[in-house]
Protein backbone atom coordinates (compact mmCIF):
# COMPACT_ATOMS: atom_id res chain seq x y z
CA MET A 1 -166.82 31.11 57.11
CA HIS A 2 -163.01 31.03 57.01
CA GLU A 3 -161.08 34.12 56.16
CA PHE A 4 -158.27 33.77 53.64
CA ALA A 5 -154.74 34.95 54.35
CA PRO A 6 -154.25 38.66 53.64
CA PRO A 7 -152.17 39.74 50.65
CA THR A 8 -148.39 40.00 50.97
CA ASP A 9 -148.42 43.77 51.53
CA CYS A 10 -150.80 43.30 54.45
CA THR A 11 -148.71 40.46 55.89
CA ASP A 12 -145.60 42.63 55.77
CA ALA A 13 -147.50 45.54 57.32
CA ARG A 14 -148.82 43.40 60.19
CA GLU A 15 -145.31 42.16 60.94
CA ALA A 16 -144.11 45.77 60.88
CA VAL A 17 -146.87 46.76 63.35
CA SER A 18 -145.57 44.14 65.78
CA ALA A 19 -141.98 45.31 65.28
CA ARG A 20 -142.99 48.93 65.89
CA LEU A 21 -144.70 47.99 69.18
CA ASP A 22 -141.47 46.26 70.27
CA GLY A 23 -139.37 49.27 69.26
CA GLU A 24 -137.57 47.30 66.54
CA LEU A 25 -138.83 49.01 63.36
CA ALA A 26 -136.39 50.99 61.22
CA GLU A 27 -137.31 54.53 60.13
CA LEU A 28 -137.77 53.66 56.44
CA ASP A 29 -139.91 50.64 57.30
CA GLY A 30 -141.97 52.86 59.60
CA ALA A 31 -142.65 55.25 56.72
CA ARG A 32 -143.75 52.32 54.52
CA LEU A 33 -146.03 51.07 57.31
CA ASP A 34 -147.64 54.49 57.75
CA ALA A 35 -148.28 54.71 53.99
CA HIS A 36 -149.88 51.26 53.99
CA LEU A 37 -152.03 52.01 57.06
CA ARG A 38 -153.41 55.17 55.40
CA GLY A 39 -154.79 53.07 52.52
CA CYS A 40 -155.76 49.78 54.26
CA ALA A 41 -158.61 49.80 56.78
CA ALA A 42 -158.10 46.12 57.74
CA CYS A 43 -154.46 46.66 58.71
CA ARG A 44 -155.35 49.90 60.52
CA ALA A 45 -157.91 47.96 62.62
CA PHE A 46 -155.31 45.24 63.25
CA ALA A 47 -152.74 47.83 64.37
CA ASP A 48 -155.23 49.52 66.72
CA GLY A 49 -156.27 46.19 68.27
CA LEU A 50 -152.68 45.07 68.71
CA ALA A 51 -151.74 48.41 70.29
CA LEU A 52 -154.60 48.05 72.81
CA THR A 53 -153.57 44.49 73.66
CA ALA A 54 -149.91 45.47 74.12
CA ALA A 55 -150.90 48.42 76.33
CA ALA A 56 -153.12 46.19 78.49
CA LEU A 57 -150.35 43.62 78.92
CA ARG A 58 -147.72 46.24 79.75
CA SER A 59 -149.94 47.93 82.34
CA ALA A 60 -150.86 44.70 84.14
CA PRO A 61 -149.09 44.18 87.48
CA LEU A 62 -146.34 41.61 87.55
CA GLU A 63 -147.03 38.44 89.46
CA THR A 64 -144.33 36.94 91.59
CA ALA A 65 -143.51 33.33 91.02
CA PRO A 66 -143.80 30.91 93.92
CA PRO A 67 -140.47 30.27 95.65
CA ARG A 68 -140.29 26.70 94.36
CA ALA A 69 -141.60 26.76 90.80
CA PHE A 70 -139.52 23.95 89.30
CA VAL A 71 -138.46 20.59 90.63
CA VAL A 72 -135.35 19.15 89.04
CA HIS A 73 -135.45 15.43 88.40
CA ARG A 74 -132.16 13.76 87.71
CA ARG A 75 -132.13 11.32 84.85
CA ARG A 76 -131.00 7.80 85.70
CA TYR A 77 -128.50 6.47 83.24
CA GLY A 78 -127.80 3.12 84.85
CA GLY A 79 -130.11 0.17 84.47
CA SER A 80 -130.92 -2.60 86.84
CA ALA A 81 -128.24 -5.05 87.86
CA ALA A 82 -129.91 -7.78 85.80
CA ALA A 83 -129.80 -5.63 82.67
CA VAL A 84 -126.12 -4.82 83.20
CA ALA A 85 -125.30 -8.51 83.73
CA ALA A 86 -127.24 -9.47 80.59
CA ALA A 87 -125.38 -6.87 78.55
CA ALA A 88 -122.01 -8.11 79.84
CA ALA A 89 -122.93 -11.73 79.04
CA LEU A 90 -123.99 -10.74 75.53
CA LEU A 91 -120.71 -8.91 74.99
CA VAL A 92 -118.68 -11.93 76.13
CA ALA A 93 -120.75 -14.30 73.97
CA ALA A 94 -120.24 -12.08 70.92
CA ALA A 95 -116.49 -11.61 71.43
CA ALA A 96 -115.51 -15.15 72.52
CA PRO A 97 -115.57 -16.85 69.07
CA SER A 98 -113.39 -14.16 67.56
CA PHE A 99 -110.95 -14.30 70.45
CA LEU A 100 -110.67 -18.08 70.29
CA ALA A 101 -110.23 -18.11 66.51
CA GLY A 102 -107.42 -15.61 66.86
CA LYS A 103 -105.72 -17.77 69.47
CA LEU A 104 -106.06 -20.95 67.40
CA PHE A 105 -105.26 -19.70 63.91
CA GLY A 106 -103.46 -16.38 64.30
CA ASP A 107 -100.70 -17.17 66.79
CA HIS A 108 -97.57 -16.73 64.67
CA ALA A 109 -95.51 -14.87 67.24
CA GLY A 110 -93.44 -17.96 68.09
CA HIS A 111 -92.32 -18.41 64.48
CA HIS A 112 -90.76 -14.96 64.12
CA THR A 113 -89.02 -14.38 67.42
CA ALA A 114 -85.52 -14.75 65.93
CA ALA A 115 -86.31 -13.07 62.61
CA PRO A 116 -85.27 -9.53 63.58
CA ALA A 117 -81.82 -10.70 64.72
CA ARG A 118 -81.28 -12.69 61.48
CA VAL A 119 -82.41 -9.78 59.31
CA ALA A 120 -80.17 -7.40 61.18
CA ALA A 121 -77.20 -9.78 60.90
CA LYS A 122 -77.65 -10.41 57.15
CA ALA A 123 -78.47 -6.82 56.20
CA PRO A 124 -75.63 -5.17 54.30
CA VAL A 125 -73.96 -2.19 55.85
CA GLY A 126 -74.21 0.96 53.77
CA VAL A 127 -76.27 1.70 50.67
CA PRO A 128 -76.06 -0.65 47.66
CA GLU A 129 -75.14 0.65 44.22
CA ASN A 130 -78.73 1.04 42.96
CA GLY A 131 -79.87 2.73 46.21
CA ILE A 132 -82.28 -0.02 47.30
CA ASP A 133 -81.43 -2.38 50.12
CA PRO A 134 -82.15 -5.95 48.93
CA GLY A 135 -82.93 -7.07 52.49
CA ILE A 136 -85.76 -4.52 52.75
CA VAL A 137 -87.11 -5.44 49.31
CA ALA A 138 -87.11 -9.14 50.23
CA MET A 139 -88.83 -8.40 53.50
CA LEU A 140 -91.55 -6.26 51.82
CA VAL A 141 -92.33 -8.81 49.08
CA GLY A 142 -92.30 -11.74 51.52
CA GLU A 143 -89.21 -13.62 50.31
CA GLY A 144 -86.95 -12.98 53.28
CA PRO A 145 -86.89 -14.53 56.76
CA ALA A 146 -89.48 -11.96 57.96
CA SER A 147 -91.95 -13.25 55.28
CA GLY A 148 -93.56 -9.95 54.32
CA ARG A 149 -93.88 -8.52 57.82
CA ILE A 150 -92.10 -5.35 58.78
CA VAL A 151 -90.40 -6.01 62.10
CA PRO A 152 -88.83 -3.18 64.12
CA LEU A 153 -85.13 -3.71 64.74
């Protein structure tokens, strides 16, 4: 038949027994443990059994490990040459349509090569009366020769 878990006081006491054997139990917790052990025969038997087990383990002679206990295996990160070639081909196949579309439809560099010189030549010197340069406003809204693109001068 299965034994049910002990009540909370007994669980705390059994944890305290283990802490006492390891030398990690505070003085107040030790006093609580002693009070519990005086009234609980099951925890007293547990504490005695655990003390015997700990004493047997501590008195056993240490065994030396063999000189070569662990073998380090390096993890391979690279794949086969065929897998690398397949990955490169997939990357090229995925990027090629976008690259070609950009070359066919997005090449506007030739249309704006002279725009910075024209904007610089037509830009008024100084600040206008209302504080806003009309050349910059025209450039930002897309009405000037730079057609909405900000071009460094």
